[in-house]
PDB file of N, CA and C in Angstrom:
ATOM      1  N   MET A   1     122.685 140.245 117.526  1.00  0.00           N
ATOM      2  CA  MET A   1     123.857 139.422 117.710  1.00  0.00           C
ATOM      3  C   MET A   1     123.728 138.690 119.040  1.00  0.00           C
ATOM      4  N   PHE A   2     124.088 137.422 119.026  1.00  0.00           N
ATOM      5  CA  PHE A   2     124.131 136.635 120.253  1.00  0.00           C
ATOM      6  C   PHE A   2     125.599 136.461 120.627  1.00  0.00           C
ATOM      7  N   VAL A   3     125.913 136.786 121.879  1.00  0.00           N
ATOM      8  CA  VAL A   3     127.290 136.732 122.360  1.00  0.00           C
ATOM      9  C   VAL A   3     127.380 135.753 123.523  1.00  0.00           C
ATOM     10  N   CYS A   4     128.590 135.347 123.850  1.00  0.00           N
ATOM     11  CA  CYS A   4     128.825 134.481 125.008  1.00  0.00           C
ATOM     12  C   CYS A   4     128.438 135.247 126.271  1.00  0.00           C
ATOM     13  N   ARG A   5     127.621 134.638 127.106  1.00  0.00           N
ATOM     14  CA  ARG A   5     127.181 135.289 128.340  1.00  0.00           C
ATOM     15  C   ARG A   5     128.356 135.551 129.283  1.00  0.00           C
ATOM     16  N   LEU A   6     129.394 134.730 129.224  1.00  0.00           N
ATOM     17  CA  LEU A   6     130.517 134.865 130.154  1.00  0.00           C
ATOM     18  C   LEU A   6     131.548 135.898 129.729  1.00  0.00           C
ATOM     19  N   CYS A   7     131.845 135.989 128.418  1.00  0.00           N
ATOM     20  CA  CYS A   7     132.942 136.865 127.982  1.00  0.00           C
ATOM     21  C   CYS A   7     132.575 137.822 126.852  1.00  0.00           C
ATOM     22  N   ALA A   8     131.346 137.772 126.357  1.00  0.00           N
ATOM     23  CA  ALA A   8     130.829 138.674 125.316  1.00  0.00           C
ATOM     24  C   ALA A   8     131.442 138.476 123.926  1.00  0.00           C
ATOM     25  N   LEU A   9     132.080 137.341 123.681  1.00  0.00           N
ATOM     26  CA  LEU A   9     132.587 137.056 122.341  1.00  0.00           C
ATOM     27  C   LEU A   9     131.402 136.869 121.394  1.00  0.00           C
ATOM     28  N   PRO A  10     131.369 137.535 120.235  1.00  0.00           N
ATOM     29  CA  PRO A  10     130.277 137.342 119.283  1.00  0.00           C
ATOM     30  C   PRO A  10     130.233 135.893 118.794  1.00  0.00           C
ATOM     31  N   LEU A  11     129.048 135.277 118.865  1.00  0.00           N
ATOM     32  CA  LEU A  11     128.923 133.866 118.492  1.00  0.00           C
ATOM     33  C   LEU A  11     127.992 133.636 117.306  1.00  0.00           C
ATOM     34  N   PHE A  12     126.805 134.220 117.314  1.00  0.00           N
ATOM     35  CA  PHE A  12     125.821 133.970 116.254  1.00  0.00           C
ATOM     36  C   PHE A  12     125.053 135.241 115.923  1.00  0.00           C
ATOM     37  N   GLN A  13     124.775 135.434 114.637  1.00  0.00           N
ATOM     38  CA  GLN A  13     123.944 136.550 114.205  1.00  0.00           C
ATOM     39  C   GLN A  13     122.481 136.106 114.190  1.00  0.00           C
ATOM     40  N   SER A  14     121.590 137.043 114.440  1.00  0.00           N
ATOM     41  CA  SER A  14     120.157 136.750 114.416  1.00  0.00           C
ATOM     42  C   SER A  14     119.719 136.184 113.074  1.00  0.00           C
ATOM     43  N   SER A  15     120.356 136.621 111.997  1.00  0.00           N
ATOM     44  CA  SER A  15     119.984 136.170 110.651  1.00  0.00           C
ATOM     45  C   SER A  15     120.268 134.685 110.422  1.00  0.00           C
ATOM     46  N   ALA A  16     121.077 134.054 111.278  1.00  0.00           N
ATOM     47  CA  ALA A  16     121.387 132.626 111.153  1.00  0.00           C
ATOM     48  C   ALA A  16     120.517 131.769 112.075  1.00  0.00           C
ATOM     49  N   LYS A  17     119.604 132.400 112.830  1.00  0.00           N
ATOM     50  CA  LYS A  17     118.738 131.674 113.760  1.00  0.00           C
ATOM     51  C   LYS A  17     117.557 131.065 112.990  1.00  0.00           C
ATOM     52  N   PHE A  18     117.141 129.871 113.378  1.00  0.00           N
ATOM     53  CA  PHE A  18     115.984 129.235 112.757  1.00  0.00           C
ATOM     54  C   PHE A  18     115.239 128.405 113.798  1.00  0.00           C
ATOM     55  N   ASP A  19     113.984 128.086 113.499  1.00  0.00           N
ATOM     56  CA  ASP A  19     113.164 127.267 114.385  1.00  0.00           C
ATOM     57  C   ASP A  19     113.394 125.801 114.045  1.00  0.00           C
ATOM     58  N   SER A  20     114.146 125.121 114.899  1.00  0.00           N
ATOM     59  CA  SER A  20     114.480 123.713 114.664  1.00  0.00           C
ATOM     60  C   SER A  20     113.380 122.777 115.151  1.00  0.00           C
ATOM     61  N   GLY A  21     112.408 123.314 115.889  1.00  0.00           N
ATOM     62  CA  GLY A  21     111.356 122.475 116.451  1.00  0.00           C
ATOM     63  C   GLY A  21     111.795 121.713 117.694  1.00  0.00           C
ATOM     64  N   THR A  22     113.007 121.990 118.189  1.00  0.00           N
ATOM     65  CA  THR A  22     113.544 121.267 119.346  1.00  0.00           C
ATOM     66  C   THR A  22     113.287 121.983 120.665  1.00  0.00           C
ATOM     67  N   GLY A  23     112.948 123.270 120.595  1.00  0.00           N
ATOM     68  CA  GLY A  23     112.808 124.064 121.805  1.00  0.00           C
ATOM     69  C   GLY A  23     114.101 124.725 122.241  1.00  0.00           C
ATOM     70  N   TRP A  24     115.211 124.390 121.579  1.00  0.00           N
ATOM     71  CA  TRP A  24     116.511 124.981 121.890  1.00  0.00           C
ATOM     72  C   TRP A  24     116.809 126.071 120.855  1.00  0.00           C
ATOM     73  N   PRO A  25     117.457 127.177 121.244  1.00  0.00           N
ATOM     74  CA  PRO A  25     117.880 128.154 120.237  1.00  0.00           C
ATOM     75  C   PRO A  25     118.814 127.455 119.243  1.00  0.00           C
ATOM     76  N   SER A  26     118.538 127.623 117.950  1.00  0.00           N
ATOM     77  CA  SER A  26     119.313 126.925 116.921  1.00  0.00           C
ATOM     78  C   SER A  26     119.750 127.892 115.828  1.00  0.00           C
ATOM     79  N   PHE A  27     120.958 127.673 115.331  1.00  0.00           N
ATOM     80  CA  PHE A  27     121.559 128.510 114.301  1.00  0.00           C
ATOM     81  C   PHE A  27     122.190 127.610 113.255  1.00  0.00           C
ATOM     82  N   PHE A  28     122.224 128.069 111.985  1.00  0.00           N
ATOM     83  CA  PHE A  28     122.840 127.243 110.945  1.00  0.00           C
ATOM     84  C   PHE A  28     124.299 127.596 110.690  1.00  0.00           C
ATOM     85  N   ALA A  29     124.796 128.702 111.273  1.00  0.00           N
ATOM     86  CA  ALA A  29     126.207 129.079 111.085  1.00  0.00           C
ATOM     87  C   ALA A  29     126.639 130.008 112.216  1.00  0.00           C
ATOM     88  N   PRO A  30     127.887 129.890 112.667  1.00  0.00           N
ATOM     89  CA  PRO A  30     128.390 130.824 113.675  1.00  0.00           C
ATOM     90  C   PRO A  30     128.775 132.162 113.032  1.00  0.00           C
ATOM     91  N   TYR A  31     128.887 133.185 113.850  1.00  0.00           N
ATOM     92  CA  TYR A  31     129.346 134.499 113.404  1.00  0.00           C
ATOM     93  C   TYR A  31     130.737 134.374 112.789  1.00  0.00           C
ATOM     94  N   ASP A  32     131.622 133.671 113.481  1.00  0.00           N
ATOM     95  CA  ASP A  32     132.989 133.409 113.010  1.00  0.00           C
ATOM     96  C   ASP A  32     133.347 132.007 113.502  1.00  0.00           C
ATOM     97  N   PRO A  33     133.641 131.069 112.603  1.00  0.00           N
ATOM     98  CA  PRO A  33     133.973 129.699 113.042  1.00  0.00           C
ATOM     99  C   PRO A  33     135.117 129.641 114.054  1.00  0.00           C
ATOM    100  N   ALA A  34     136.014 130.621 114.028  1.00  0.00           N
ATOM    101  CA  ALA A  34     137.133 130.635 114.976  1.00  0.00           C
ATOM    102  C   ALA A  34     136.676 130.945 116.399  1.00  0.00           C
ATOM    103  N   HIS A  35     135.440 131.427 116.575  1.00  0.00           N
ATOM    104  CA  HIS A  35     134.913 131.751 117.901  1.00  0.00           C
ATOM    105  C   HIS A  35     134.281 130.546 118.595  1.00  0.00           C
ATOM    106  N   ILE A  36     134.171 129.429 117.865  1.00  0.00           N
ATOM    107  CA  ILE A  36     133.552 128.212 118.399  1.00  0.00           C
ATOM    108  C   ILE A  36     134.576 127.076 118.405  1.00  0.00           C
ATOM    109  N   ARG A  37     134.754 126.456 119.556  1.00  0.00           N
ATOM    110  CA  ARG A  37     135.648 125.290 119.656  1.00  0.00           C
ATOM    111  C   ARG A  37     134.791 124.044 119.696  1.00  0.00           C
ATOM    112  N   GLN A  38     135.186 123.029 118.936  1.00  0.00           N
ATOM    113  CA  GLN A  38     134.417 121.783 118.874  1.00  0.00           C
ATOM    114  C   GLN A  38     135.186 120.658 119.556  1.00  0.00           C
ATOM    115  N   ILE A  39     134.451 119.864 120.347  1.00  0.00           N
ATOM    116  CA  ILE A  39     135.048 118.764 121.111  1.00  0.00           C
ATOM    117  C   ILE A  39     134.170 117.527 120.948  1.00  0.00           C
ATOM    118  N   ARG A  40     134.783 116.387 120.699  1.00  0.00           N
ATOM    119  CA  ARG A  40     134.034 115.124 120.632  1.00  0.00           C
ATOM    120  C   ARG A  40     133.468 114.812 122.010  1.00  0.00           C
ATOM    121  N   ASP A  41     132.181 114.513 122.061  1.00  0.00           N
ATOM    122  CA  ASP A  41     131.471 114.233 123.312  1.00  0.00           C
ATOM    123  C   ASP A  41     130.850 112.845 123.203  1.00  0.00           C
ATOM    124  N   SER A  42     131.387 111.885 123.937  1.00  0.00           N
ATOM    125  CA  SER A  42     130.865 110.521 123.874  1.00  0.00           C
ATOM    126  C   SER A  42     130.185 110.117 125.181  1.00  0.00           C
ATOM    127  N   ARG A  43     129.730 111.097 125.938  1.00  0.00           N
ATOM    128  CA  ARG A  43     129.012 110.807 127.181  1.00  0.00           C
ATOM    129  C   ARG A  43     127.579 110.388 126.885  1.00  0.00           C
ATOM    130  N   HIS A  44     126.938 109.797 127.850  1.00  0.00           N
ATOM    131  CA  HIS A  44     125.520 109.417 127.793  1.00  0.00           C
ATOM    132  C   HIS A  44     125.214 108.407 126.687  1.00  0.00           C
ATOM    133  N   GLY A  45     126.185 107.568 126.319  1.00  0.00           N
ATOM    134  CA  GLY A  45     125.952 106.496 125.365  1.00  0.00           C
ATOM    135  C   GLY A  45     125.748 106.940 123.920  1.00  0.00           C
ATOM    136  N   MET A  46     126.211 108.147 123.571  1.00  0.00           N
ATOM    137  CA  MET A  46     126.090 108.632 122.193  1.00  0.00           C
ATOM    138  C   MET A  46     127.328 109.453 121.853  1.00  0.00           C
ATOM    139  N   VAL A  47     127.550 109.652 120.558  1.00  0.00           N
ATOM    140  CA  VAL A  47     128.663 110.473 120.114  1.00  0.00           C
ATOM    141  C   VAL A  47     128.097 111.751 119.503  1.00  0.00           C
ATOM    142  N   ARG A  48     128.509 112.886 120.072  1.00  0.00           N
ATOM    143  CA  ARG A  48     128.068 114.197 119.605  1.00  0.00           C
ATOM    144  C   ARG A  48     129.277 115.116 119.526  1.00  0.00           C
ATOM    145  N   THR A  49     129.072 116.309 119.003  1.00  0.00           N
ATOM    146  CA  THR A  49     130.117 117.316 118.987  1.00  0.00           C
ATOM    147  C   THR A  49     129.691 118.465 119.889  1.00  0.00           C
ATOM    148  N   GLU A  50     130.381 118.604 121.004  1.00  0.00           N
ATOM    149  CA  GLU A  50     130.119 119.703 121.925  1.00  0.00           C
ATOM    150  C   GLU A  50     130.728 120.977 121.360  1.00  0.00           C
ATOM    151  N   ILE A  51     130.072 122.109 121.593  1.00  0.00           N
ATOM    152  CA  ILE A  51     130.657 123.391 121.198  1.00  0.00           C
ATOM    153  C   ILE A  51     130.885 124.242 122.437  1.00  0.00           C
ATOM    154  N   ARG A  52     132.040 124.929 122.423  1.00  0.00           N
ATOM    155  CA  ARG A  52     132.459 125.780 123.537  1.00  0.00           C
ATOM    156  C   ARG A  52     132.941 127.117 122.997  1.00  0.00           C
ATOM    157  N   CYS A  53     132.856 128.123 123.825  1.00  0.00           N
ATOM    158  CA  CYS A  53     133.383 129.436 123.456  1.00  0.00           C
ATOM    159  C   CYS A  53     134.901 129.324 123.332  1.00  0.00           C
ATOM    160  N   ALA A  54     135.445 129.810 122.228  1.00  0.00           N
ATOM    161  CA  ALA A  54     136.884 129.715 122.002  1.00  0.00           C
ATOM    162  C   ALA A  54     137.677 130.624 122.942  1.00  0.00           C
ATOM    163  N   ARG A  55     137.050 131.669 123.461  1.00  0.00           N
ATOM    164  CA  ARG A  55     137.772 132.600 124.343  1.00  0.00           C
ATOM    165  C   ARG A  55     137.778 132.117 125.787  1.00  0.00           C
ATOM    166  N   CYS A  56     136.618 131.804 126.357  1.00  0.00           N
ATOM    167  CA  CYS A  56     136.552 131.497 127.789  1.00  0.00           C
ATOM    168  C   CYS A  56     136.294 130.020 128.094  1.00  0.00           C
ATOM    169  N   ASP A  57     136.079 129.213 127.056  1.00  0.00           N
ATOM    170  CA  ASP A  57     135.836 127.773 127.179  1.00  0.00           C
ATOM    171  C   ASP A  57     134.486 127.438 127.808  1.00  0.00           C
ATOM    172  N   GLY A  58     133.562 128.389 127.831  1.00  0.00           N
ATOM    173  CA  GLY A  58     132.232 128.119 128.361  1.00  0.00           C
ATOM    174  C   GLY A  58     131.456 127.169 127.464  1.00  0.00           C
ATOM    175  N   HIS A  59     130.723 126.239 128.075  1.00  0.00           N
ATOM    176  CA  HIS A  59     129.897 125.295 127.321  1.00  0.00           C
ATOM    177  C   HIS A  59     128.756 126.044 126.649  1.00  0.00           C
ATOM    178  N   LEU A  60     128.562 125.807 125.339  1.00  0.00           N
ATOM    179  CA  LEU A  60     127.497 126.464 124.582  1.00  0.00           C
ATOM    180  C   LEU A  60     126.379 125.507 124.217  1.00  0.00           C
ATOM    181  N   GLY A  61     126.707 124.272 123.879  1.00  0.00           N
ATOM    182  CA  GLY A  61     125.719 123.303 123.428  1.00  0.00           C
ATOM    183  C   GLY A  61     126.380 122.248 122.568  1.00  0.00           C
ATOM    184  N   HIS A  62     125.685 121.867 121.470  1.00  0.00           N
ATOM    185  CA  HIS A  62     126.195 120.841 120.554  1.00  0.00           C
ATOM    186  C   HIS A  62     125.876 121.241 119.118  1.00  0.00           C
ATOM    187  N   VAL A  63     126.618 120.668 118.178  1.00  0.00           N
ATOM    188  CA  VAL A  63     126.351 120.908 116.757  1.00  0.00           C
ATOM    189  C   VAL A  63     126.044 119.576 116.092  1.00  0.00           C
ATOM    190  N   PHE A  64     125.043 119.598 115.196  1.00  0.00           N
ATOM    191  CA  PHE A  64     124.591 118.389 114.501  1.00  0.00           C
ATOM    192  C   PHE A  64     124.539 118.654 112.997  1.00  0.00           C
ATOM    193  N   ASP A  65     124.553 117.595 112.213  1.00  0.00           N
ATOM    194  CA  ASP A  65     124.532 117.695 110.750  1.00  0.00           C
ATOM    195  C   ASP A  65     123.126 117.558 110.173  1.00  0.00           C
ATOM    196  N   ASP A  66     122.114 118.063 110.880  1.00  0.00           N
ATOM    197  CA  ASP A  66     120.737 117.956 110.389  1.00  0.00           C
ATOM    198  C   ASP A  66     120.056 119.327 110.267  1.00  0.00           C
ATOM    199  N   GLY A  67     120.846 120.351 110.010  1.00  0.00           N
ATOM    200  CA  GLY A  67     120.311 121.706 109.896  1.00  0.00           C
ATOM    201  C   GLY A  67     119.901 122.058 108.477  1.00  0.00           C
ATOM    202  N   PRO A  68     119.381 123.259 108.302  1.00  0.00           N
ATOM    203  CA  PRO A  68     118.899 123.707 106.990  1.00  0.00           C
ATOM    204  C   PRO A  68     120.039 124.197 106.098  1.00  0.00           C
ATOM    205  N   PRO A  69     119.743 124.393 104.804  1.00  0.00           N
ATOM    206  CA  PRO A  69     120.708 125.047 103.925  1.00  0.00           C
ATOM    207  C   PRO A  69     120.962 126.477 104.442  1.00  0.00           C
ATOM    208  N   PRO A  70     122.067 127.068 104.192  1.00  0.00           N
ATOM    209  CA  PRO A  70     123.068 126.606 103.241  1.00  0.00           C
ATOM    210  C   PRO A  70     124.142 125.702 103.847  1.00  0.00           C
ATOM    211  N   THR A  71     124.187 125.543 105.179  1.00  0.00           N
ATOM    212  CA  THR A  71     125.281 124.788 105.794  1.00  0.00           C
ATOM    213  C   THR A  71     124.937 123.347 106.131  1.00  0.00           C
ATOM    214  N   GLY A  72     123.649 123.062 106.363  1.00  0.00           N
ATOM    215  CA  GLY A  72     123.267 121.723 106.799  1.00  0.00           C
ATOM    216  C   GLY A  72     123.621 121.451 108.251  1.00  0.00           C
ATOM    217  N   ARG A  73     124.032 122.488 108.970  1.00  0.00           N
ATOM    218  CA  ARG A  73     124.436 122.335 110.372  1.00  0.00           C
ATOM    219  C   ARG A  73     123.354 122.904 111.285  1.00  0.00           C
ATOM    220  N   ARG A  74     123.244 122.321 112.477  1.00  0.00           N
ATOM    221  CA  ARG A  74     122.345 122.842 113.507  1.00  0.00           C
ATOM    222  C   ARG A  74     123.150 123.033 114.778  1.00  0.00           C
ATOM    223  N   TYR A  75     123.480 124.274 115.059  1.00  0.00           N
ATOM    224  CA  TYR A  75     124.153 124.621 116.301  1.00  0.00           C
ATOM    225  C   TYR A  75     123.054 124.772 117.345  1.00  0.00           C
ATOM    226  N   CYS A  76     122.954 123.802 118.232  1.00  0.00           N
ATOM    227  CA  CYS A  76     121.889 123.716 119.225  1.00  0.00           C
ATOM    228  C   CYS A  76     122.448 124.267 120.535  1.00  0.00           C
ATOM    229  N   LEU A  77     121.939 125.431 120.963  1.00  0.00           N
ATOM    230  CA  LEU A  77     122.542 126.166 122.056  1.00  0.00           C
ATOM    231  C   LEU A  77     121.751 126.081 123.348  1.00  0.00           C
ATOM    232  N   ASN A  78     122.478 126.089 124.448  1.00  0.00           N
ATOM    233  CA  ASN A  78     121.878 126.247 125.757  1.00  0.00           C
ATOM    234  C   ASN A  78     121.561 127.738 125.889  1.00  0.00           C
ATOM    235  N   ALA A  79     120.303 128.103 126.032  1.00  0.00           N
ATOM    236  CA  ALA A  79     119.900 129.505 126.071  1.00  0.00           C
ATOM    237  C   ALA A  79     120.634 130.289 127.162  1.00  0.00           C
ATOM    238  N   LEU A  80     120.991 129.639 128.257  1.00  0.00           N
ATOM    239  CA  LEU A  80     121.688 130.333 129.340  1.00  0.00           C
ATOM    240  C   LEU A  80     123.119 130.701 128.983  1.00  0.00           C
ATOM    241  N   SER A  81     123.661 130.131 127.912  1.00  0.00           N
ATOM    242  CA  SER A  81     125.038 130.433 127.518  1.00  0.00           C
ATOM    243  C   SER A  81     125.126 131.686 126.652  1.00  0.00           C
ATOM    244  N   LEU A  82     123.974 132.195 126.212  1.00  0.00           N
ATOM    245  CA  LEU A  82     123.934 133.330 125.286  1.00  0.00           C
ATOM    246  C   LEU A  82     123.363 134.587 125.922  1.00  0.00           C
ATOM    247  N   ARG A  83     123.776 135.715 125.355  1.00  0.00           N
ATOM    248  CA  ARG A  83     123.169 137.002 125.687  1.00  0.00           C
ATOM    249  C   ARG A  83     122.935 137.719 124.369  1.00  0.00           C
ATOM    250  N   PHE A  84     121.758 138.301 124.189  1.00  0.00           N
ATOM    251  CA  PHE A  84     121.437 139.037 122.966  1.00  0.00           C
ATOM    252  C   PHE A  84     121.861 140.490 123.149  1.00  0.00           C
ATOM    253  N   VAL A  85     122.550 141.044 122.145  1.00  0.00           N
ATOM    254  CA  VAL A  85     122.912 142.462 122.149  1.00  0.00           C
ATOM    255  C   VAL A  85     122.452 143.084 120.842  1.00  0.00           C
ATOM    256  N   GLU A  86     121.974 144.310 120.911  1.00  0.00           N
ATOM    257  CA  GLU A  86     121.533 145.034 119.717  1.00  0.00           C
ATOM    258  C   GLU A  86     122.722 145.309 118.807  1.00  0.00           C
ATOM    259  N   ALA A  87     122.468 145.339 117.505  1.00  0.00           N
ATOM    260  CA  ALA A  87     123.524 145.650 116.532  1.00  0.00           C
ATOM    261  C   ALA A  87     124.068 147.043 116.797  1.00  0.00           C
ATOM    262  N   GLY A  88     125.382 147.207 116.532  1.00  0.00           N
ATOM    263  CA  GLY A  88     126.003 148.516 116.704  1.00  0.00           C
ATOM    264  C   GLY A  88     126.646 148.618 118.041  1.00  0.00           C
TER     265      GLY A  88
END
């Protein structure tokens, strides 16, 4: 399980992780959609969707619509925003 480094809210399961070829940790689905807040990000001359931790508002990364099945989503995470914890 990958949790928020700041507040330990569960964010992504290892089973949803995939190699996007981008060099960034990528997942096709969050652990619980209610744990991720989405914000329109129009900085740097582009429009993206920023993702933040719903509990502590920490920046996590961005989500894109070019991921694999079954969701077609690519949650592209800043590795420093996550902490891995063993199941249980």
